[in-house]
Amino acid sequence: MESRIQQAFEKKASGRYNCAQAVACTYCDIVDMDEETMRDVTNAFGVGMGNMEGTCGALVGAGIILGMKTHDRAKAMAAMKGVMTKFKQRNQSTICNQLKGIKTRCPLRQCNDCVADAAEFLENAISEMD
């Protein structure tokens, strides 16, 4: 698969996609879903799960793709664990408000870059499956 990291980054940077949508819509064709449906599926995951209280939306988008790609709960969970581990190693957290630095006023990573990271690690996970 040709890398789509920049495409995911640009979707988020456009302001028309939340973080989950930017990742999931970039890869929706590989799970045979149209972009409009994928946007609807990922609507609720802007500003992380629970409005910044939970997991970064970019990771949620990656997880949705993994689940649909594998059709297997155990494989999807193992792949997602790898994605989240790599993401946390790079960014120190997987939680939206920590990444944005809401309480510390010191962001760990900007949203566009979180999207690029999640896309990178998703692509790695997919290539390991194929």
Protein backbone atom coordinates (compact mmCIF):
# COMPACT_ATOMS: atom_id res chain seq x y z
CA MET A 1 0.00 0.00 0.00
CA GLU A 2 1.27 3.43 -0.89
CA SER A 3 1.52 5.67 2.15
CA ARG A 4 -1.46 7.92 2.85
CA ILE A 5 -0.09 9.64 5.94
CA GLN A 6 0.07 13.03 4.24
CA GLN A 7 -3.47 12.58 2.92
CA ALA A 8 -4.77 11.94 6.47
CA PHE A 9 -2.81 14.97 7.74
CA GLU A 10 -4.31 17.17 5.00
CA LYS A 11 -7.85 15.99 5.71
CA LYS A 12 -7.47 17.07 9.34
CA ALA A 13 -5.72 20.32 8.41
CA SER A 14 -8.61 21.20 6.07
CA GLY A 15 -10.92 21.68 9.07
CA ARG A 16 -13.60 19.52 7.42
CA TYR A 17 -12.73 16.33 9.31
CA ASN A 18 -12.33 15.55 12.99
CA CYS A 19 -9.32 13.42 13.97
CA ALA A 20 -11.16 10.10 13.78
CA GLN A 21 -12.68 11.01 10.43
CA ALA A 22 -9.34 12.11 8.99
CA VAL A 23 -7.79 8.71 9.69
CA ALA A 24 -10.80 6.47 8.99
CA CYS A 25 -11.86 8.26 5.81
CA THR A 26 -8.33 8.10 4.42
CA TYR A 27 -8.43 4.30 4.58
CA CYS A 28 -12.16 3.61 4.13
CA ASP A 29 -11.67 2.15 0.66
CA ILE A 30 -9.53 -0.70 1.99
CA VAL A 31 -12.47 -1.83 4.13
CA ASP A 32 -15.01 -1.34 1.33
CA MET A 33 -16.86 1.56 2.93
CA ASP A 34 -17.75 4.80 1.22
CA GLU A 35 -16.42 8.02 2.71
CA GLU A 36 -19.83 9.50 3.56
CA THR A 37 -20.77 6.46 5.66
CA MET A 38 -17.37 6.44 7.36
CA ARG A 39 -17.73 10.13 8.22
CA ASP A 40 -21.06 9.33 9.86
CA VAL A 41 -19.59 6.36 11.77
CA THR A 42 -16.83 8.58 13.18
CA ASN A 43 -18.86 11.76 13.83
CA ALA A 44 -18.92 11.30 17.60
CA PHE A 45 -15.16 11.02 18.02
CA GLY A 46 -14.08 14.61 17.45
CA VAL A 47 -11.99 15.99 20.31
CA GLY A 48 -11.34 12.46 21.51
CA MET A 49 -13.77 10.14 23.17
CA GLY A 50 -15.88 11.91 25.79
CA ASN A 51 -14.96 15.41 24.63
CA MET A 52 -11.23 15.25 25.36
CA GLU A 53 -11.57 13.00 28.38
CA GLY A 54 -10.70 9.77 26.59
CA THR A 55 -8.70 8.26 23.78
CA CYS A 56 -7.48 10.45 20.94
CA GLY A 57 -9.93 10.37 18.04
CA ALA A 58 -7.16 9.57 15.55
CA LEU A 59 -6.59 6.31 17.42
CA VAL A 60 -10.32 5.58 17.41
CA GLY A 61 -10.34 6.03 13.63
CA ALA A 62 -7.40 3.64 13.30
CA GLY A 63 -9.19 1.10 15.50
CA ILE A 64 -12.31 1.21 13.37
CA ILE A 65 -10.25 0.46 10.27
CA LEU A 66 -8.42 -2.39 12.00
CA GLY A 67 -11.67 -3.98 13.16
CA MET A 68 -13.19 -3.81 9.71
CA LYS A 69 -9.99 -4.98 8.01
CA THR A 70 -9.42 -8.04 10.20
CA HIS A 71 -13.03 -9.19 10.81
CA ASP A 72 -11.51 -10.78 13.90
CA ARG A 73 -11.75 -9.38 17.42
CA ALA A 74 -8.51 -10.89 18.73
CA LYS A 75 -6.47 -9.82 15.69
CA ALA A 76 -7.95 -6.33 15.74
CA MET A 77 -7.28 -5.93 19.46
CA ALA A 78 -3.68 -7.14 19.11
CA ALA A 79 -3.05 -4.79 16.20
CA MET A 80 -4.67 -1.89 18.07
CA LYS A 81 -2.54 -2.55 21.12
CA GLY A 82 0.53 -2.22 18.91
CA VAL A 83 -0.72 1.02 17.39
CA MET A 84 -1.50 2.49 20.80
CA THR A 85 1.83 1.39 22.29
CA LYS A 86 3.81 3.04 19.48
CA PHE A 87 1.64 6.16 19.65
CA LYS A 88 2.16 6.47 23.41
CA GLN A 89 5.92 5.91 23.09
CA ARG A 90 6.13 8.77 20.62
CA ASN A 91 3.66 11.15 22.25
CA GLN A 92 3.69 10.24 25.97
CA SER A 93 -0.09 9.78 26.06
CA THR A 94 -3.11 8.48 24.16
CA ILE A 95 -5.59 10.75 25.98
CA CYS A 96 -6.86 13.78 24.07
CA ASN A 97 -6.75 16.39 26.84
CA GLN A 98 -3.21 15.37 27.80
CA LEU A 99 -2.06 15.52 24.19
CA LYS A 100 -3.61 18.98 23.86
CA GLY A 101 -2.15 20.11 27.20
CA ILE A 102 -5.49 21.31 28.54
CA LYS A 103 -4.50 21.17 32.22
CA THR A 104 -0.75 21.73 31.84
CA ARG A 105 -0.94 24.39 29.12
CA CYS A 106 1.89 22.45 27.49
CA PRO A 107 0.66 20.43 24.50
CA LEU A 108 2.42 17.14 23.89
CA ARG A 109 1.32 16.95 20.23
CA GLN A 110 -0.87 18.93 17.85
CA CYS A 111 -3.97 17.23 16.42
CA ASN A 112 -2.72 17.18 12.83
CA ASP A 113 0.44 15.42 14.00
CA CYS A 114 -1.57 12.92 16.09
CA VAL A 115 -3.51 12.09 12.93
CA ALA A 116 -0.26 11.56 11.00
CA ASP A 117 1.13 9.37 13.78
CA ALA A 118 -2.03 7.24 13.97
CA ALA A 119 -2.01 6.87 10.17
CA GLU A 120 1.64 5.82 10.19
CA PHE A 121 1.13 3.19 12.87
CA LEU A 122 -2.10 1.99 11.20
CA GLU A 123 -0.26 1.51 7.91
CA ASN A 124 2.45 -0.45 9.73
CA ALA A 125 -0.18 -2.68 11.36
CA ILE A 126 -1.96 -3.28 8.03
CA SER A 127 1.31 -4.14 6.27
CA GLU A 128 2.10 -6.67 9.01
CA MET A 129 -1.28 -8.34 8.35
CA ASP A 130 -0.83 -8.64 4.60
